Amino acid sequence: GFVFKGRVLGILAVTRSLGDHCMKEYVIAKPYTSEKNVVIASEEDTSFIILACDGLWDVFKDQEAVDFVLARIHEREVVAKYLVEEALKRGSTDNITVSVAFLV
């Protein structure tokens, strides 16, 4: 298969083709994932996960994002929004979706 003008086989948008029976042989619904170990140096017992698309990771290194969240640890309700705003300031040109889940 191929993607032409953002469409699988030039017919259906990539995201819409996931799970589409006719496109099954051309689209694999297994996402690319990666795992990184980063250092959290904090006085508090803080654990969190940053889930984000490449719009964030294009302009943030993993450790930078962790440090960014740690610097704003007392603003948990809005820290994901701050990451999006900072990614825009850094010139990200992709869509940016961020969620920070605090594990306590």
C-alpha atoms as a PDB file:
ATOM      1  CA  GLY A   1       0.000   0.000   0.000  1.00  0.00           C
ATOM      2  CA  PHE A   2       0.911   3.668  -0.100  1.00  0.00           C
ATOM      3  CA  VAL A   3      -0.192   7.037   1.231  1.00  0.00           C
ATOM      4  CA  PHE A   4      -1.004   9.673  -1.381  1.00  0.00           C
ATOM      5  CA  LYS A   5      -2.059  13.190  -0.333  1.00  0.00           C
ATOM      6  CA  GLY A   6      -2.532  11.968   3.238  1.00  0.00           C
ATOM      7  CA  ARG A   7      -4.814   9.116   2.212  1.00  0.00           C
ATOM      8  CA  VAL A   8      -4.253   5.372   2.191  1.00  0.00           C
ATOM      9  CA  LEU A   9      -4.186   4.288  -1.468  1.00  0.00           C
ATOM     10  CA  GLY A  10      -5.310   7.859  -2.166  1.00  0.00           C
ATOM     11  CA  ILE A  11      -8.790   6.926  -0.898  1.00  0.00           C
ATOM     12  CA  LEU A  12      -9.243   7.097   2.873  1.00  0.00           C
ATOM     13  CA  ALA A  13      -7.578   9.315   5.503  1.00  0.00           C
ATOM     14  CA  VAL A  14      -4.961   7.407   7.492  1.00  0.00           C
ATOM     15  CA  THR A  15      -6.741   7.728  10.840  1.00  0.00           C
ATOM     16  CA  ARG A  16     -10.082   6.719   9.329  1.00  0.00           C
ATOM     17  CA  SER A  17      -8.519   3.691   7.689  1.00  0.00           C
ATOM     18  CA  LEU A  18      -7.545   2.176  11.057  1.00  0.00           C
ATOM     19  CA  GLY A  19      -9.987  -0.646  11.584  1.00  0.00           C
ATOM     20  CA  ASP A  20     -11.523  -0.265   8.121  1.00  0.00           C
ATOM     21  CA  HIS A  21     -12.029  -3.766   6.741  1.00  0.00           C
ATOM     22  CA  CYS A  22     -11.156  -2.797   3.161  1.00  0.00           C
ATOM     23  CA  MET A  23      -7.848  -1.224   4.244  1.00  0.00           C
ATOM     24  CA  LYS A  24      -6.841  -3.992   6.654  1.00  0.00           C
ATOM     25  CA  GLU A  25      -4.056  -5.371   4.475  1.00  0.00           C
ATOM     26  CA  TYR A  26      -2.503  -1.884   4.041  1.00  0.00           C
ATOM     27  CA  VAL A  27      -2.803  -0.366   7.509  1.00  0.00           C
ATOM     28  CA  ILE A  28      -1.332  -1.884  10.634  1.00  0.00           C
ATOM     29  CA  ALA A  29      -3.082  -0.737  13.808  1.00  0.00           C
ATOM     30  CA  LYS A  30      -0.065  -1.391  16.031  1.00  0.00           C
ATOM     31  CA  PRO A  31       1.263   1.993  17.228  1.00  0.00           C
ATOM     32  CA  TYR A  32       4.915   2.919  17.505  1.00  0.00           C
ATOM     33  CA  THR A  33       5.840   3.224  21.172  1.00  0.00           C
ATOM     34  CA  SER A  34       9.049   3.806  23.049  1.00  0.00           C
ATOM     35  CA  GLU A  35      10.129   3.764  26.655  1.00  0.00           C
ATOM     36  CA  LYS A  36      12.744   6.014  28.219  1.00  0.00           C
ATOM     37  CA  ASN A  37      14.194   6.216  31.696  1.00  0.00           C
ATOM     38  CA  VAL A  38      14.514   9.744  33.011  1.00  0.00           C
ATOM     39  CA  VAL A  39      15.718  11.075  36.313  1.00  0.00           C
ATOM     40  CA  ILE A  40      13.308  12.727  38.724  1.00  0.00           C
ATOM     41  CA  ALA A  41      15.226  14.730  41.295  1.00  0.00           C
ATOM     42  CA  SER A  42      12.574  16.075  43.605  1.00  0.00           C
ATOM     43  CA  GLU A  43      12.147  16.495  47.319  1.00  0.00           C
ATOM     44  CA  GLU A  44       8.593  15.262  47.012  1.00  0.00           C
ATOM     45  CA  ASP A  45       7.617  11.699  46.266  1.00  0.00           C
ATOM     46  CA  THR A  46       6.359  12.541  42.793  1.00  0.00           C
ATOM     47  CA  SER A  47       5.483  10.144  40.000  1.00  0.00           C
ATOM     48  CA  PHE A  48       3.862  11.120  36.717  1.00  0.00           C
ATOM     49  CA  ILE A  49       3.580  10.102  33.102  1.00  0.00           C
ATOM     50  CA  ILE A  50       3.650  12.524  30.186  1.00  0.00           C
ATOM     51  CA  LEU A  51       1.577  11.271  27.256  1.00  0.00           C
ATOM     52  CA  ALA A  52       2.081  13.423  24.196  1.00  0.00           C
ATOM     53  CA  CYS A  53       2.187  13.322  20.429  1.00  0.00           C
ATOM     54  CA  ASP A  54       5.164  14.271  18.302  1.00  0.00           C
ATOM     55  CA  GLY A  55       4.157  17.932  18.263  1.00  0.00           C
ATOM     56  CA  LEU A  56       5.601  18.122  21.777  1.00  0.00           C
ATOM     57  CA  TRP A  57       8.490  15.682  21.326  1.00  0.00           C
ATOM     58  CA  ASP A  58       9.708  17.477  18.191  1.00  0.00           C
ATOM     59  CA  VAL A  59      10.734  20.428  20.372  1.00  0.00           C
ATOM     60  CA  PHE A  60      11.259  18.851  23.841  1.00  0.00           C
ATOM     61  CA  LYS A  61      13.775  16.226  24.899  1.00  0.00           C
ATOM     62  CA  ASP A  62      12.402  13.682  27.370  1.00  0.00           C
ATOM     63  CA  GLN A  63      14.364  15.021  30.325  1.00  0.00           C
ATOM     64  CA  GLU A  64      13.434  18.614  29.434  1.00  0.00           C
ATOM     65  CA  ALA A  65       9.739  17.756  29.612  1.00  0.00           C
ATOM     66  CA  VAL A  66      10.197  16.027  32.979  1.00  0.00           C
ATOM     67  CA  ASP A  67      12.130  19.005  34.347  1.00  0.00           C
ATOM     68  CA  PHE A  68       9.480  21.373  32.969  1.00  0.00           C
ATOM     69  CA  VAL A  69       6.727  19.508  34.837  1.00  0.00           C
ATOM     70  CA  LEU A  70       8.796  19.304  38.036  1.00  0.00           C
ATOM     71  CA  ALA A  71       9.345  23.076  37.970  1.00  0.00           C
ATOM     72  CA  ARG A  72       5.547  23.500  37.936  1.00  0.00           C
ATOM     73  CA  ILE A  73       4.647  20.562  40.162  1.00  0.00           C
ATOM     74  CA  HIS A  74       2.239  22.632  42.258  1.00  0.00           C
ATOM     75  CA  GLU A  75       0.214  23.567  39.154  1.00  0.00           C
ATOM     76  CA  ARG A  76      -0.877  20.034  38.285  1.00  0.00           C
ATOM     77  CA  GLU A  77      -4.224  21.070  36.806  1.00  0.00           C
ATOM     78  CA  VAL A  78      -2.616  23.253  34.118  1.00  0.00           C
ATOM     79  CA  VAL A  79       0.879  21.850  33.572  1.00  0.00           C
ATOM     80  CA  ALA A  80      -0.156  20.035  30.368  1.00  0.00           C
ATOM     81  CA  LYS A  81      -1.493  23.327  29.000  1.00  0.00           C
ATOM     82  CA  TYR A  82       1.830  24.972  29.854  1.00  0.00           C
ATOM     83  CA  LEU A  83       3.694  22.245  27.951  1.00  0.00           C
ATOM     84  CA  VAL A  84       1.539  22.904  24.879  1.00  0.00           C
ATOM     85  CA  GLU A  85       2.124  26.659  25.137  1.00  0.00           C
ATOM     86  CA  GLU A  86       5.879  26.157  25.503  1.00  0.00           C
ATOM     87  CA  ALA A  87       5.968  23.807  22.507  1.00  0.00           C
ATOM     88  CA  LEU A  88       4.252  26.506  20.439  1.00  0.00           C
ATOM     89  CA  LYS A  89       6.781  29.102  21.662  1.00  0.00           C
ATOM     90  CA  ARG A  90       9.581  26.739  20.625  1.00  0.00           C
ATOM     91  CA  GLY A  91       8.186  26.630  17.103  1.00  0.00           C
ATOM     92  CA  SER A  92       6.404  23.284  16.887  1.00  0.00           C
ATOM     93  CA  THR A  93       4.522  23.160  13.603  1.00  0.00           C
ATOM     94  CA  ASP A  94       2.710  19.869  14.226  1.00  0.00           C
ATOM     95  CA  ASN A  95      -0.481  19.309  16.185  1.00  0.00           C
ATOM     96  CA  ILE A  96       0.232  19.185  19.928  1.00  0.00           C
ATOM     97  CA  THR A  97      -1.644  16.986  22.378  1.00  0.00           C
ATOM     98  CA  VAL A  98      -0.396  16.545  25.939  1.00  0.00           C
ATOM     99  CA  SER A  99      -1.698  14.817  29.043  1.00  0.00           C
ATOM    100  CA  VAL A 100       0.175  14.603  32.339  1.00  0.00           C
ATOM    101  CA  ALA A 101      -1.047  11.888  34.681  1.00  0.00           C
ATOM    102  CA  PHE A 102       0.103  12.134  38.292  1.00  0.00           C
ATOM    103  CA  LEU A 103       0.438   8.805  40.082  1.00  0.00           C
ATOM    104  CA  VAL A 104      -0.042   9.005  43.810  1.00  0.00           C
END
